[in-house]
Amino acid sequence: MSKLLLKTPCTTWTFDSLMACVFGIKVSDVKVYFDILKNGPSKINDIAERINRDRSTVQRSVQNLMNAGLVKRRQVNIKDGGYYFIYEAIPFEETKKIIKKTMEEWCNSMKKWVDELEFEDVIKEYLENIK
């Protein structure tokens, strides 16, 4: 089995799908994150060209990544006037730490939820749903 594939009783995970789930983004956004991470600080047009996507599509992905805290934007002023933005991905190790922390919190909340379940409530809901 691949190192980047995790089979669980509920589903099969790829690292892309795990990142999308944890950060609430699309798998296509994850691809943009890895492009920026691999190529370093980049302009939208450069990213779009490298991954063969429309500029507006990349712009939406970068916005989603910034909202998720995975990408930061820096303004670069042009000497003769004007400016442009450069986008930089947070380090992969930091991303992994966030994922692990989120998973631990989710696991603990699921354990608490299961601990608090009462048989009577579960069976009542079950019986109502099979009608």
C-alpha atoms as a PDB file:
ATOM      1  CA  MET A   1       0.000   0.000   0.000  1.00  0.00           C
ATOM      2  CA  SER A   2       1.175   3.517  -0.810  1.00  0.00           C
ATOM      3  CA  LYS A   3       2.659   5.622   1.979  1.00  0.00           C
ATOM      4  CA  LEU A   4       0.324   8.458   0.926  1.00  0.00           C
ATOM      5  CA  LEU A   5      -2.855   6.360   1.120  1.00  0.00           C
ATOM      6  CA  LEU A   6      -4.710   5.516   4.313  1.00  0.00           C
ATOM      7  CA  LYS A   7      -7.558   3.009   4.297  1.00  0.00           C
ATOM      8  CA  THR A   8     -10.012   3.381   7.153  1.00  0.00           C
ATOM      9  CA  PRO A   9     -13.297   1.582   7.772  1.00  0.00           C
ATOM     10  CA  CYS A  10     -15.192   4.583   6.362  1.00  0.00           C
ATOM     11  CA  THR A  11     -13.174   5.679   3.356  1.00  0.00           C
ATOM     12  CA  THR A  12      -9.787   5.753   1.649  1.00  0.00           C
ATOM     13  CA  TRP A  13      -7.765   8.908   2.186  1.00  0.00           C
ATOM     14  CA  THR A  14      -5.136  10.582   0.051  1.00  0.00           C
ATOM     15  CA  PHE A  15      -3.014  13.319   1.558  1.00  0.00           C
ATOM     16  CA  ASP A  16      -4.777  15.797  -0.758  1.00  0.00           C
ATOM     17  CA  SER A  17      -8.199  14.738   0.511  1.00  0.00           C
ATOM     18  CA  LEU A  18      -7.006  14.847   4.140  1.00  0.00           C
ATOM     19  CA  MET A  19      -5.733  18.411   3.690  1.00  0.00           C
ATOM     20  CA  ALA A  20      -8.973  19.414   1.957  1.00  0.00           C
ATOM     21  CA  CYS A  21     -10.997  17.956   4.840  1.00  0.00           C
ATOM     22  CA  VAL A  22      -8.905  19.453   7.648  1.00  0.00           C
ATOM     23  CA  PHE A  23      -8.611  22.933   6.137  1.00  0.00           C
ATOM     24  CA  GLY A  24     -12.062  23.083   4.519  1.00  0.00           C
ATOM     25  CA  ILE A  25     -10.664  23.651   1.042  1.00  0.00           C
ATOM     26  CA  LYS A  26     -10.867  21.870  -2.322  1.00  0.00           C
ATOM     27  CA  VAL A  27      -8.385  19.267  -3.551  1.00  0.00           C
ATOM     28  CA  SER A  28      -7.587  21.655  -6.420  1.00  0.00           C
ATOM     29  CA  ASP A  29      -6.606  24.273  -3.794  1.00  0.00           C
ATOM     30  CA  VAL A  30      -4.201  21.754  -2.260  1.00  0.00           C
ATOM     31  CA  LYS A  31      -2.504  21.390  -5.649  1.00  0.00           C
ATOM     32  CA  VAL A  32      -1.967  25.173  -5.727  1.00  0.00           C
ATOM     33  CA  TYR A  33      -0.499  25.046  -2.185  1.00  0.00           C
ATOM     34  CA  PHE A  34       2.015  22.391  -3.259  1.00  0.00           C
ATOM     35  CA  ASP A  35       2.902  24.303  -6.427  1.00  0.00           C
ATOM     36  CA  ILE A  36       3.725  27.416  -4.386  1.00  0.00           C
ATOM     37  CA  LEU A  37       5.570  25.326  -1.796  1.00  0.00           C
ATOM     38  CA  LYS A  38       7.669  23.650  -4.487  1.00  0.00           C
ATOM     39  CA  ASN A  39       8.398  26.782  -6.545  1.00  0.00           C
ATOM     40  CA  GLY A  40       8.674  29.372  -3.793  1.00  0.00           C
ATOM     41  CA  PRO A  41       6.984  32.768  -3.550  1.00  0.00           C
ATOM     42  CA  SER A  42       4.974  33.312  -6.731  1.00  0.00           C
ATOM     43  CA  LYS A  43       2.650  35.630  -8.613  1.00  0.00           C
ATOM     44  CA  ILE A  44      -0.814  34.394  -9.613  1.00  0.00           C
ATOM     45  CA  ASN A  45       0.041  34.409 -13.324  1.00  0.00           C
ATOM     46  CA  ASP A  46       3.133  32.267 -12.734  1.00  0.00           C
ATOM     47  CA  ILE A  47       1.157  29.704 -10.731  1.00  0.00           C
ATOM     48  CA  ALA A  48      -1.604  29.611 -13.359  1.00  0.00           C
ATOM     49  CA  GLU A  49       0.949  28.995 -16.101  1.00  0.00           C
ATOM     50  CA  ARG A  50       2.746  26.223 -14.185  1.00  0.00           C
ATOM     51  CA  ILE A  51      -0.410  24.274 -13.328  1.00  0.00           C
ATOM     52  CA  ASN A  52      -2.208  25.088 -16.586  1.00  0.00           C
ATOM     53  CA  ARG A  53      -5.241  26.703 -14.936  1.00  0.00           C
ATOM     54  CA  ASP A  54      -7.150  29.908 -15.544  1.00  0.00           C
ATOM     55  CA  ARG A  55      -5.858  32.945 -13.631  1.00  0.00           C
ATOM     56  CA  SER A  56      -9.267  33.471 -11.967  1.00  0.00           C
ATOM     57  CA  THR A  57      -9.365  29.821 -10.836  1.00  0.00           C
ATOM     58  CA  VAL A  58      -5.904  30.154  -9.280  1.00  0.00           C
ATOM     59  CA  GLN A  59      -6.925  33.458  -7.658  1.00  0.00           C
ATOM     60  CA  ARG A  60      -9.899  31.717  -5.962  1.00  0.00           C
ATOM     61  CA  SER A  61      -7.683  28.862  -4.807  1.00  0.00           C
ATOM     62  CA  VAL A  62      -5.091  31.253  -3.388  1.00  0.00           C
ATOM     63  CA  GLN A  63      -7.861  33.146  -1.565  1.00  0.00           C
ATOM     64  CA  ASN A  64      -9.101  29.852  -0.070  1.00  0.00           C
ATOM     65  CA  LEU A  65      -5.541  28.978   0.958  1.00  0.00           C
ATOM     66  CA  MET A  66      -5.045  32.371   2.601  1.00  0.00           C
ATOM     67  CA  ASN A  67      -8.348  31.982   4.484  1.00  0.00           C
ATOM     68  CA  ALA A  68      -7.140  28.560   5.676  1.00  0.00           C
ATOM     69  CA  GLY A  69      -3.801  30.015   6.811  1.00  0.00           C
ATOM     70  CA  LEU A  70      -1.763  27.963   4.338  1.00  0.00           C
ATOM     71  CA  VAL A  71      -0.603  30.849   2.150  1.00  0.00           C
ATOM     72  CA  LYS A  72       0.479  34.390   2.975  1.00  0.00           C
ATOM     73  CA  ARG A  73       0.390  37.393   0.654  1.00  0.00           C
ATOM     74  CA  ARG A  74       3.086  40.038   0.409  1.00  0.00           C
ATOM     75  CA  GLN A  75       2.858  43.285  -1.551  1.00  0.00           C
ATOM     76  CA  VAL A  76       5.835  44.236  -3.711  1.00  0.00           C
ATOM     77  CA  ASN A  77       6.026  47.904  -4.692  1.00  0.00           C
ATOM     78  CA  ILE A  78       7.274  48.768  -8.164  1.00  0.00           C
ATOM     79  CA  LYS A  79       9.889  51.535  -8.241  1.00  0.00           C
ATOM     80  CA  ASP A  80       8.085  53.566 -10.923  1.00  0.00           C
ATOM     81  CA  GLY A  81       4.698  53.168  -9.213  1.00  0.00           C
ATOM     82  CA  GLY A  82       2.188  50.403  -8.712  1.00  0.00           C
ATOM     83  CA  TYR A  83       2.551  47.077  -6.988  1.00  0.00           C
ATOM     84  CA  TYR A  84       1.902  43.369  -7.294  1.00  0.00           C
ATOM     85  CA  PHE A  85       1.358  40.527  -4.848  1.00  0.00           C
ATOM     86  CA  ILE A  86       3.563  37.536  -4.131  1.00  0.00           C
ATOM     87  CA  TYR A  87       2.101  34.439  -2.470  1.00  0.00           C
ATOM     88  CA  GLU A  88       4.120  32.203  -0.173  1.00  0.00           C
ATOM     89  CA  ALA A  89       3.099  28.834   1.283  1.00  0.00           C
ATOM     90  CA  ILE A  90       3.686  28.066   4.953  1.00  0.00           C
ATOM     91  CA  PRO A  91       6.299  25.319   5.494  1.00  0.00           C
ATOM     92  CA  PHE A  92       5.136  21.720   5.056  1.00  0.00           C
ATOM     93  CA  GLU A  93       6.202  20.818   8.603  1.00  0.00           C
ATOM     94  CA  GLU A  94       3.919  23.544   9.956  1.00  0.00           C
ATOM     95  CA  THR A  95       1.061  22.230   7.811  1.00  0.00           C
ATOM     96  CA  LYS A  96       1.609  18.721   9.193  1.00  0.00           C
ATOM     97  CA  LYS A  97       1.532  20.054  12.778  1.00  0.00           C
ATOM     98  CA  ILE A  98      -1.789  21.798  12.134  1.00  0.00           C
ATOM     99  CA  ILE A  99      -3.235  18.627  10.590  1.00  0.00           C
ATOM    100  CA  LYS A 100      -2.121  16.467  13.524  1.00  0.00           C
ATOM    101  CA  LYS A 101      -3.481  18.952  16.082  1.00  0.00           C
ATOM    102  CA  THR A 102      -6.820  19.160  14.257  1.00  0.00           C
ATOM    103  CA  MET A 103      -7.054  15.367  14.038  1.00  0.00           C
ATOM    104  CA  GLU A 104      -6.289  14.982  17.759  1.00  0.00           C
ATOM    105  CA  GLU A 105      -8.976  17.531  18.639  1.00  0.00           C
ATOM    106  CA  TRP A 106     -11.469  15.796  16.334  1.00  0.00           C
ATOM    107  CA  CYS A 107     -10.630  12.367  17.779  1.00  0.00           C
ATOM    108  CA  ASN A 108     -11.013  13.628  21.355  1.00  0.00           C
ATOM    109  CA  SER A 109     -14.352  15.269  20.575  1.00  0.00           C
ATOM    110  CA  MET A 110     -15.587  12.071  18.885  1.00  0.00           C
ATOM    111  CA  LYS A 111     -14.543   9.987  21.923  1.00  0.00           C
ATOM    112  CA  LYS A 112     -16.372  12.418  24.216  1.00  0.00           C
ATOM    113  CA  TRP A 113     -19.455  12.317  21.997  1.00  0.00           C
ATOM    114  CA  VAL A 114     -19.490   8.483  22.021  1.00  0.00           C
ATOM    115  CA  ASP A 115     -18.946   8.434  25.810  1.00  0.00           C
ATOM    116  CA  GLU A 116     -21.972  10.696  26.293  1.00  0.00           C
ATOM    117  CA  LEU A 117     -24.309   8.613  24.134  1.00  0.00           C
ATOM    118  CA  GLU A 118     -27.122   6.836  25.968  1.00  0.00           C
ATOM    119  CA  PHE A 119     -28.549   3.619  24.561  1.00  0.00           C
ATOM    120  CA  GLU A 120     -32.113   4.868  24.941  1.00  0.00           C
ATOM    121  CA  ASP A 121     -31.416   7.960  22.833  1.00  0.00           C
ATOM    122  CA  VAL A 122     -29.616   5.985  20.126  1.00  0.00           C
ATOM    123  CA  ILE A 123     -32.265   3.271  19.861  1.00  0.00           C
ATOM    124  CA  LYS A 124     -35.054   5.874  19.818  1.00  0.00           C
ATOM    125  CA  GLU A 125     -33.403   7.716  16.914  1.00  0.00           C
ATOM    126  CA  TYR A 126     -32.726   4.429  15.123  1.00  0.00           C
ATOM    127  CA  LEU A 127     -36.323   3.317  15.419  1.00  0.00           C
ATOM    128  CA  GLU A 128     -37.611   6.690  14.203  1.00  0.00           C
ATOM    129  CA  ASN A 129     -35.362   6.539  11.125  1.00  0.00           C
ATOM    130  CA  ILE A 130     -36.469   3.059   9.999  1.00  0.00           C
ATOM    131  CA  LYS A 131     -40.152   3.991   9.797  1.00  0.00           C
END
